[in-house]
Amino acid sequence: MSLKFYFDIFSQPSRAVLLFLKLNKIPFEPKKINLLRGEHYSEEYATINPFQKVPAVVHGNFALSESVAILRYLCREFEVADHWYPKDSKAQARVDEYLEWQHIEIRANLVNYFRTKFLLPVVTGRPADVKKVAQYEKKVTDVLNILEDTWLSERKYLGGDKVSIADLLGACELEHLKMAGYNPQDNRPKVSAWLNKLKEELNPHYEEVHVLVNHIAEKHKGVPPSSPDKLSSICDLLTAISATPNFVGEQFSEEFAKLNPMKKVPVIKDGEFTLTESVGILRYLCREKNVPDHWYPADSKKQARVDEYLEWQHTNTRSNCALYFLNKFMLPGIKGTPPNPETVARRERKMVETLNEVEEIWLNNKSYLAGDKISIADLLGACEIEQTRMAGYNPCEGRPKLAAWLERVRHDTLPHYDSVHAIVRKVTEKYGGVAPASFSKL
């Protein structure tokens, strides 16, 4: 069965998948998509990936997008060493933990910095916004310090003591920074040792996939060229978001920090095994507990379809719905100040676009987000979308497929669906989308 790989070498996730394919000698037919020329917007490519982003693969008649889902799928479908994505449930969950964390921490923050410092000046011909660059650089520094102090604190690799797909994705994101003149290895001995170890173990392919990145970094020294024509290849990057700040509370206690150094929920403790990141937790529970197969199918292609949504949602449903709720309702309640109309309008536009994609693409010919049976993808999607009601937004309005899907998920999971959303309904009915003067009233 042939494998076609659609990619642009300037895309960090594309490089991670390309590196994996080369390292494991998986035969593939390369299909280069030039993002700068807009080739991802062609009608032909839209039939491969309706979201019109890279990378994507077609394996026989099976098309799949989202780099993390692709990497998991390749680990199942081809004969590769177990360390890339371990079969052992706990070892696999540890890799998943990073894969889910990185979307809005490493991926989003590093892309925002690179886009603002280097890419936008190239595309627009205007100097970078110095204030924004400084803001994003601080976020990059903070998240790379978490990589140094937490993820690599007692590990050789991001997912444990052996290299995994987590390391490929992480390294490709960090290498990208060098084009904007930022060296992620400076003053981070553990990050530096980890990157050097990867380069040594994965060469010559590591250098091969980063040849363009290294060329641009050396040639331009972090200073954007005056036009895109002076770069051998460049592209629009994934529109990323800033991580949603937590409301100060019990997650910052010393006791909870022992469970999750990132100080976020949810977290589980199964015996002596502690795990963070909701998607990683759900996958782990499906493997470890006796649950029906439809939640996270054993069949490789069905599982990949669930993974496709799970990875897409981080920077779409999750981020856009959360940022709308945060700016329209949460922050005004915390600060005691009115919401910023321009910010709310901007966040609402992004959320509307995402919900329309759920309506027109994810639910186009399916009863559920990943197929004809309910899965963990539906639980995550429904809970994100229900949250917007507290900010006075009705996600079902003008979206008949989404409305029918939400009711179907609710019906399938009663009485628990109503139980977990009781607080959402109560707040929605009491405040009508208008934030209270103080969160102490909630």
Protein backbone atom coordinates (compact mmCIF):
# COMPACT_ATOMS: atom_id res chain seq x y z
CA MET A 1 0.00 0.00 0.00
CA SER A 2 1.58 3.30 -1.08
CA LEU A 3 2.16 6.19 1.30
CA LYS A 4 1.97 9.75 -0.02
CA PHE A 5 3.38 12.49 2.19
CA TYR A 6 2.27 16.11 1.70
CA PHE A 7 4.61 18.62 3.33
CA ASP A 8 6.59 21.85 3.23
CA ILE A 9 10.12 21.64 4.63
CA PHE A 10 9.61 25.02 6.30
CA SER A 11 6.85 23.60 8.49
CA GLN A 12 8.09 22.30 11.85
CA PRO A 13 5.54 19.43 12.07
CA SER A 14 6.31 18.50 8.45
CA ARG A 15 9.99 18.20 9.33
CA ALA A 16 9.20 15.99 12.34
CA VAL A 17 7.19 13.54 10.21
CA LEU A 18 9.77 13.65 7.41
CA LEU A 19 12.54 12.90 9.90
CA PHE A 20 10.57 9.94 11.27
CA LEU A 21 9.98 8.52 7.80
CA LYS A 22 13.67 8.78 6.90
CA LEU A 23 14.93 7.38 10.20
CA ASN A 24 12.70 4.34 9.90
CA LYS A 25 13.24 3.83 6.18
CA ILE A 26 9.51 3.95 5.48
CA PRO A 27 8.96 4.19 1.70
CA PHE A 28 6.89 7.22 0.72
CA GLU A 29 6.05 9.37 -2.25
CA PRO A 30 6.93 13.00 -1.45
CA LYS A 31 4.30 15.59 -2.37
CA LYS A 32 5.77 19.03 -1.77
CA ILE A 33 3.26 21.77 -0.97
CA ASN A 34 4.60 25.31 -1.32
CA LEU A 35 2.76 27.29 1.33
CA LEU A 36 4.05 30.69 0.22
CA ARG A 37 2.59 30.14 -3.24
CA GLY A 38 -0.70 29.10 -1.67
CA GLU A 39 -0.62 25.54 -3.00
CA HIS A 40 -2.36 24.34 0.19
CA TYR A 41 -5.41 26.36 -0.88
CA SER A 42 -5.88 24.46 -4.14
CA GLU A 43 -9.06 22.46 -4.68
CA GLU A 44 -6.97 19.37 -5.24
CA TYR A 45 -5.23 19.64 -1.87
CA ALA A 46 -8.51 20.42 -0.10
CA THR A 47 -9.66 16.92 -1.03
CA ILE A 48 -6.64 15.59 0.90
CA ASN A 49 -6.91 17.91 3.90
CA PRO A 50 -10.05 20.07 4.19
CA PHE A 51 -8.22 22.30 6.70
CA GLN A 52 -5.63 23.03 4.00
CA LYS A 53 -2.58 22.75 6.24
CA VAL A 54 0.49 20.53 6.21
CA PRO A 55 1.50 17.84 6.85
CA ALA A 56 -0.91 15.20 5.59
CA VAL A 57 -0.56 11.60 4.44
CA VAL A 58 -2.56 9.33 2.18
CA HIS A 59 -2.03 5.63 2.87
CA GLY A 60 -3.85 3.72 0.19
CA ASN A 61 -7.30 5.32 0.32
CA PHE A 62 -6.89 6.60 3.88
CA ALA A 63 -6.16 10.33 4.23
CA LEU A 64 -4.97 11.74 7.56
CA SER A 65 -3.91 15.16 8.81
CA GLU A 66 -2.37 16.44 12.08
CA SER A 67 1.28 15.57 12.65
CA VAL A 68 0.84 13.89 16.06
CA ALA A 69 -1.97 11.68 14.77
CA ILE A 70 0.14 10.87 11.70
CA LEU A 71 3.15 9.87 13.79
CA ARG A 72 1.05 7.62 16.04
CA TYR A 73 -0.54 6.02 12.98
CA LEU A 74 2.84 5.36 11.32
CA CYS A 75 4.08 3.71 14.53
CA ARG A 76 1.16 1.29 14.40
CA GLU A 77 1.10 0.62 10.67
CA PHE A 78 4.80 0.13 9.99
CA GLU A 79 7.51 -1.94 11.63
CA VAL A 80 9.37 0.60 13.74
CA ALA A 81 11.28 0.27 17.00
CA ASP A 82 9.03 0.28 20.06
CA HIS A 83 10.80 3.24 21.66
CA TRP A 84 9.26 5.67 19.18
CA TYR A 85 5.79 5.14 20.67
CA PRO A 86 5.94 2.37 23.31
CA LYS A 87 3.28 -0.33 23.54
CA ASP A 88 3.63 -0.39 27.31
CA SER A 89 0.68 1.62 28.56
CA LYS A 90 2.49 3.77 31.10
CA ALA A 91 5.48 4.41 28.84
CA GLN A 92 3.09 5.39 26.03
CA ALA A 93 1.14 7.66 28.38
CA ARG A 94 4.37 9.45 29.30
CA VAL A 95 5.01 10.21 25.61
CA ASP A 96 1.38 11.29 25.19
CA GLU A 97 1.76 13.61 28.17
CA TYR A 98 4.31 15.69 26.28
CA LEU A 99 2.51 15.43 22.94
CA GLU A 100 -0.63 16.98 24.40
CA TRP A 101 1.19 19.60 26.50
CA GLN A 102 3.28 20.91 23.62
CA HIS A 103 0.44 22.21 21.45
CA ILE A 104 -0.30 25.41 23.37
CA GLU A 105 3.00 25.66 25.21
CA ILE A 106 5.95 24.87 22.92
CA ARG A 107 4.12 24.97 19.57
CA ALA A 108 2.01 28.07 20.10
CA ASN A 109 4.51 30.26 21.94
CA LEU A 110 7.45 29.51 19.67
CA VAL A 111 5.38 30.06 16.53
CA ASN A 112 4.05 33.40 17.81
CA TYR A 113 7.60 34.58 18.48
CA PHE A 114 8.97 33.42 15.13
CA ARG A 115 6.01 34.81 13.22
CA THR A 116 6.21 38.25 14.88
CA LYS A 117 10.02 38.59 14.92
CA PHE A 118 10.84 37.12 11.50
CA LEU A 119 7.99 35.93 9.29
CA LEU A 120 5.59 38.90 9.31
CA PRO A 121 8.35 41.46 8.56
CA VAL A 122 9.36 39.32 5.57
CA VAL A 123 5.80 39.01 4.27
CA THR A 124 4.66 42.59 4.94
CA GLY A 125 7.95 44.42 4.37
CA ARG A 126 7.41 46.30 7.66
CA PRO A 127 9.64 46.23 10.77
CA ALA A 128 8.66 43.90 13.59
CA ASP A 129 6.53 45.29 16.43
CA VAL A 130 9.21 45.60 19.12
CA LYS A 131 6.72 45.49 22.00
CA LYS A 132 5.04 42.33 20.72
CA VAL A 133 8.38 40.66 20.04
CA ALA A 134 9.41 41.32 23.64
CA GLN A 135 6.11 39.91 24.94
CA TYR A 136 6.41 36.74 22.87
CA GLU A 137 10.09 36.34 23.68
CA LYS A 138 9.25 36.31 27.38
CA LYS A 139 6.71 33.54 26.76
CA VAL A 140 9.29 31.57 24.78
CA THR A 141 11.85 31.98 27.55
CA ASP A 142 9.34 30.89 30.20
CA VAL A 143 8.25 27.77 28.33
CA LEU A 144 11.80 26.74 27.42
CA ASN A 145 12.72 27.08 31.08
CA ILE A 146 9.86 24.67 31.88
CA LEU A 147 11.39 22.30 29.32
CA GLU A 148 14.74 22.63 31.09
CA ASP A 149 13.50 22.49 34.68
CA THR A 150 10.59 20.05 34.38
CA TRP A 151 10.52 17.88 31.26
CA LEU A 152 14.28 17.30 31.16
CA SER A 153 14.84 17.58 34.90
CA GLU A 154 15.35 13.86 35.47
CA ARG A 155 15.02 12.44 31.94
CA LYS A 156 17.34 12.02 28.99
CA TYR A 157 14.45 12.51 26.58
CA LEU A 158 11.07 14.21 26.72
CA GLY A 159 9.14 10.96 27.17
CA GLY A 160 11.59 8.97 29.28
CA ASP A 161 14.96 7.28 28.87
CA LYS A 162 14.64 6.55 25.15
CA VAL A 163 14.05 8.76 22.12
CA SER A 164 10.43 8.97 20.97
CA ILE A 165 8.20 10.87 18.56
CA ALA A 166 7.88 13.50 21.31
CA ASP A 167 11.54 14.39 20.83
CA LEU A 168 11.17 14.77 17.06
CA LEU A 169 8.32 17.25 17.43
CA GLY A 170 10.02 19.13 20.27
CA ALA A 171 13.38 19.42 18.52
CA CYS A 172 11.89 20.62 15.23
CA GLU A 173 10.03 23.40 17.06
CA LEU A 174 13.14 24.53 18.94
CA GLU A 175 15.41 24.49 15.88
CA HIS A 176 12.99 26.85 14.12
CA LEU A 177 13.80 29.61 16.63
CA LYS A 178 17.35 29.93 15.34
CA MET A 179 16.10 31.60 12.17
CA ALA A 180 14.78 34.46 14.32
CA GLY A 181 18.13 34.81 16.08
CA TYR A 182 17.11 33.01 19.29
CA ASN A 183 19.31 30.19 20.56
CA PRO A 184 17.20 27.88 22.76
CA GLN A 185 20.36 26.20 24.09
CA ASP A 186 21.84 29.30 25.74
CA ASN A 187 21.93 28.93 29.54
CA ARG A 188 19.95 25.70 29.34
CA PRO A 189 22.46 22.87 29.78
CA LYS A 190 19.83 20.11 29.82
CA VAL A 191 18.06 21.39 26.71
CA SER A 192 21.44 21.81 25.03
CA ALA A 193 22.58 18.29 25.93
CA TRP A 194 19.25 16.85 24.76
CA LEU A 195 19.38 18.62 21.37
CA ASN A 196 23.02 17.67 20.84
CA LYS A 197 22.25 14.05 21.73
CA LEU A 198 19.37 13.96 19.25
CA LYS A 199 21.49 15.46 16.50
CA GLU A 200 24.24 12.90 17.12
CA GLU A 201 21.84 9.93 17.24
CA LEU A 202 19.62 10.97 14.34
CA ASN A 203 22.20 12.21 11.83
CA PRO A 204 22.54 12.42 8.88
CA HIS A 205 18.78 12.80 8.63
CA TYR A 206 18.52 15.40 11.41
CA GLU A 207 20.83 17.78 9.57
CA GLU A 208 19.19 16.91 6.27
CA VAL A 209 15.69 18.00 7.30
CA HIS A 210 17.07 21.16 8.91
CA VAL A 211 19.33 22.23 6.05
CA LEU A 212 17.05 25.11 5.02
CA VAL A 213 16.57 26.26 8.63
CA ASN A 214 20.34 26.28 9.17
CA HIS A 215 20.95 28.06 5.86
CA ILE A 216 18.53 30.88 6.71
CA ALA A 217 19.83 31.16 10.29
CA GLU A 218 23.43 31.49 9.10
CA LYS A 219 22.66 33.80 6.21
CA HIS A 220 20.30 36.27 7.89
CA LYS A 221 21.45 36.08 11.54
CA GLY A 222 17.91 36.59 12.82
CA VAL A 223 17.33 39.72 10.71
CA PRO A 224 14.35 39.30 8.35
CA PRO A 225 15.19 39.81 4.66
CA SER A 226 13.39 42.62 2.88
CA SER A 227 11.13 40.31 0.86
CA PRO A 228 10.01 36.68 0.68
CA ASP A 229 11.81 36.33 -2.64
CA LYS A 230 15.13 36.37 -0.84
CA LEU A 231 14.30 33.20 1.02
CA SER A 232 14.48 29.88 -0.77
CA SER A 233 11.23 28.79 0.89
CA ILE A 234 8.93 30.34 3.45
CA CYS A 235 5.32 29.86 4.49
CA ASP A 236 2.43 31.02 6.59
CA LEU A 237 2.64 29.19 9.89
CA LEU A 238 -0.13 27.72 11.98
CA THR A 239 -2.07 30.55 13.62
CA ALA A 240 -1.18 29.96 17.24
CA ILE A 241 -2.64 31.20 20.46
CA SER A 242 -1.39 32.27 23.82
CA ALA A 243 -1.97 29.81 26.61
CA THR A 244 -4.95 30.62 28.76
CA PRO A 245 -3.83 31.83 32.19
CA ASN A 246 -5.19 29.94 35.17
CA PHE A 247 -7.32 31.61 37.81
CA VAL A 248 -5.08 31.78 40.88
CA GLY A 249 -6.11 29.05 43.28
CA GLU A 250 -5.39 25.63 44.69
CA GLN A 251 -3.43 24.49 41.61
CA PHE A 252 -0.55 26.65 42.86
CA SER A 253 -0.22 24.89 46.17
CA GLU A 254 3.02 23.03 46.95
CA GLU A 255 1.03 19.84 47.42
CA PHE A 256 -0.51 19.99 43.95
CA ALA A 257 2.81 20.99 42.36
CA LYS A 258 4.13 17.58 43.43
CA LEU A 259 1.45 15.97 41.24
CA ASN A 260 1.75 18.38 38.33
CA PRO A 261 4.74 20.75 38.17
CA MET A 262 2.89 22.67 35.42
CA LYS A 263 0.17 23.41 38.02
CA LYS A 264 -2.81 22.72 35.80
CA VAL A 265 -5.75 20.34 35.89
CA PRO A 266 -6.69 17.58 35.29
CA VAL A 267 -4.29 15.09 36.82
CA ILE A 268 -4.72 11.44 37.76
CA LYS A 269 -2.79 9.17 40.10
CA ASP A 270 -3.12 5.47 39.30
CA GLY A 271 -1.23 3.66 42.02
CA GLU A 272 2.25 5.16 41.89
CA PHE A 273 1.77 6.46 38.35
CA THR A 274 0.91 10.16 37.98
CA LEU A 275 -0.22 11.61 34.64
CA THR A 276 -1.25 15.05 33.37
CA GLU A 277 -2.88 16.34 30.15
CA SER A 278 -6.52 15.40 29.54
CA VAL A 279 -5.99 13.75 26.14
CA GLY A 280 -3.10 11.68 27.46
CA ILE A 281 -5.21 10.71 30.47
CA LEU A 282 -8.18 9.65 28.35
CA ARG A 283 -6.02 7.50 26.09
CA TYR A 284 -4.38 5.90 29.13
CA LEU A 285 -7.74 5.12 30.77
CA CYS A 286 -8.99 3.51 27.55
CA ARG A 287 -5.98 1.19 27.57
CA GLU A 288 -5.85 0.44 31.28
CA LYS A 289 -9.52 0.06 32.17
CA ASN A 290 -12.19 -2.20 30.76
CA VAL A 291 -14.08 0.23 28.51
CA PRO A 292 -15.95 -0.34 25.21
CA ASP A 293 -13.77 -0.16 22.11
CA HIS A 294 -15.68 2.75 20.56
CA TRP A 295 -14.19 5.24 23.02
CA TYR A 296 -10.70 4.79 21.51
CA PRO A 297 -10.79 2.00 18.89
CA ALA A 298 -8.10 -0.66 18.68
CA ASP A 299 -8.43 -0.63 14.87
CA SER A 300 -5.51 1.47 13.61
CA LYS A 301 -7.39 3.60 11.08
CA LYS A 302 -10.34 4.23 13.40
CA GLN A 303 -7.95 5.18 16.17
CA ALA A 304 -6.11 7.51 13.81
CA ARG A 305 -9.37 9.23 12.95
CA VAL A 306 -10.01 9.90 16.66
CA ASP A 307 -6.41 11.12 17.04
CA GLU A 308 -6.90 13.44 14.07
CA TYR A 309 -9.54 15.41 15.95
CA LEU A 310 -7.74 15.18 19.30
CA GLU A 311 -4.67 16.87 17.86
CA TRP A 312 -6.59 19.41 15.76
CA GLN A 313 -8.69 20.58 18.69
CA HIS A 314 -5.79 21.95 20.76
CA THR A 315 -5.26 25.03 18.61
CA ASN A 316 -8.82 25.22 17.29
CA THR A 317 -11.78 24.18 19.45
CA ARG A 318 -9.82 24.26 22.69
CA SER A 319 -7.94 27.51 22.22
CA ASN A 320 -10.52 29.56 20.34
CA CYS A 321 -13.50 28.66 22.55
CA ALA A 322 -11.39 29.09 25.69
CA LEU A 323 -9.99 32.47 24.65
CA TYR A 324 -13.47 33.78 23.82
CA PHE A 325 -14.79 32.63 27.21
CA LEU A 326 -11.70 34.01 28.95
CA ASN A 327 -11.97 37.49 27.44
CA LYS A 328 -15.76 37.81 27.42
CA PHE A 329 -16.54 36.35 30.85
CA MET A 330 -13.62 35.07 32.94
CA LEU A 331 -11.16 37.99 32.95
CA PRO A 332 -13.85 40.64 33.58
CA GLY A 333 -15.02 38.56 36.56
CA ILE A 334 -11.48 38.23 37.91
CA LYS A 335 -10.41 41.83 37.32
CA GLY A 336 -13.73 43.51 37.99
CA THR A 337 -13.44 45.47 34.74
CA PRO A 338 -15.60 45.40 31.57
CA PRO A 339 -14.48 43.16 28.70
CA ASN A 340 -12.49 44.76 25.88
CA PRO A 341 -14.96 44.93 22.95
CA GLU A 342 -12.27 44.72 20.25
CA THR A 343 -10.58 41.72 21.85
CA VAL A 344 -13.91 39.96 22.38
CA ALA A 345 -14.94 40.61 18.77
CA ARG A 346 -11.61 39.26 17.50
CA ARG A 347 -11.85 36.14 19.66
CA GLU A 348 -15.46 35.61 18.65
CA ARG A 349 -14.55 35.69 14.95
CA LYS A 350 -11.92 32.98 15.47
CA MET A 351 -14.33 30.89 17.51
CA VAL A 352 -17.07 31.23 14.90
CA GLU A 353 -14.65 30.10 12.19
CA THR A 354 -13.70 27.06 14.26
CA LEU A 355 -17.31 26.12 15.06
CA ASN A 356 -18.17 26.46 11.38
CA GLU A 357 -15.37 24.00 10.61
CA VAL A 358 -16.86 21.58 13.13
CA GLU A 359 -20.21 21.98 11.37
CA GLU A 360 -19.01 21.85 7.77
CA ILE A 361 -16.01 19.51 7.97
CA TRP A 362 -15.89 17.36 11.09
CA LEU A 363 -19.63 16.66 11.10
CA ASN A 364 -20.12 16.81 7.34
CA ASN A 365 -20.79 13.11 6.75
CA LYS A 366 -20.48 11.72 10.27
CA SER A 367 -22.72 11.24 13.28
CA TYR A 368 -19.79 11.90 15.61
CA LEU A 369 -16.52 13.80 15.31
CA ALA A 370 -14.46 10.74 14.41
CA GLY A 371 -16.95 8.37 12.80
CA ASP A 372 -20.22 6.59 13.38
CA LYS A 373 -19.71 5.91 17.10
CA ILE A 374 -19.09 8.15 20.07
CA SER A 375 -15.46 8.47 21.18
CA ILE A 376 -13.30 10.45 23.60
CA ALA A 377 -13.06 13.08 20.83
CA ASP A 378 -16.75 13.84 21.32
CA LEU A 379 -16.40 14.23 25.08
CA LEU A 380 -13.61 16.80 24.70
CA GLY A 381 -15.36 18.62 21.86
CA ALA A 382 -18.72 18.83 23.61
CA CYS A 383 -17.27 20.08 26.89
CA GLU A 384 -15.32 22.85 25.12
CA ILE A 385 -18.31 23.98 23.12
CA GLU A 386 -20.75 23.89 26.06
CA GLN A 387 -18.44 26.24 27.96
CA THR A 388 -19.18 29.10 25.54
CA ARG A 389 -22.78 29.28 26.74
CA MET A 390 -21.65 30.88 30.02
CA ALA A 391 -20.34 33.81 27.98
CA GLY A 392 -23.74 34.20 26.30
CA TYR A 393 -22.93 32.42 23.06
CA ASN A 394 -25.21 29.74 21.58
CA PRO A 395 -22.95 27.42 19.55
CA CYS A 396 -25.95 25.57 18.07
CA GLU A 397 -27.52 28.61 16.45
CA GLY A 398 -27.27 28.35 12.66
CA ARG A 399 -25.44 25.02 12.94
CA PRO A 400 -27.96 22.18 12.63
CA LYS A 401 -25.35 19.40 12.43
CA LEU A 402 -23.51 20.64 15.49
CA ALA A 403 -26.80 21.00 17.38
CA ALA A 404 -27.87 17.46 16.48
CA TRP A 405 -24.43 16.11 17.42
CA LEU A 406 -24.44 17.81 20.84
CA GLU A 407 -27.90 16.42 21.59
CA ARG A 408 -26.76 12.98 20.42
CA VAL A 409 -23.71 13.08 22.71
CA ARG A 410 -25.88 14.26 25.59
CA HIS A 411 -28.43 11.48 25.00
CA ASP A 412 -25.69 8.84 24.78
CA THR A 413 -24.09 9.90 28.05
CA LEU A 414 -27.08 10.78 30.27
CA PRO A 415 -27.41 11.28 33.21
CA HIS A 416 -23.70 12.07 33.52
CA TYR A 417 -23.67 14.70 30.75
CA ASP A 418 -26.17 16.87 32.60
CA SER A 419 -24.42 16.22 35.90
CA VAL A 420 -20.99 17.48 34.77
CA HIS A 421 -22.55 20.49 33.00
CA ALA A 422 -24.78 21.52 35.90
CA ILE A 423 -22.49 24.43 36.82
CA VAL A 424 -22.42 25.58 33.18
CA ARG A 425 -26.24 25.69 33.06
CA LYS A 426 -26.49 27.41 36.44
CA VAL A 427 -24.04 30.17 35.53
CA THR A 428 -25.62 30.62 32.09
CA GLU A 429 -29.12 30.99 33.52
CA LYS A 430 -28.06 33.26 36.37
CA TYR A 431 -25.81 35.70 34.52
CA GLY A 432 -26.99 35.52 30.90
CA GLY A 433 -23.47 35.88 29.54
CA VAL A 434 -22.64 38.98 31.59
CA ALA A 435 -19.70 38.47 33.92
CA PRO A 436 -20.43 39.06 37.61
CA ALA A 437 -18.75 42.02 39.31
CA SER A 438 -16.67 39.57 41.31
CA PHE A 439 -15.98 35.85 40.99
CA SER A 440 -16.72 35.50 44.68
CA LYS A 441 -20.37 35.67 43.60
CA LEU A 442 -20.04 32.49 41.58
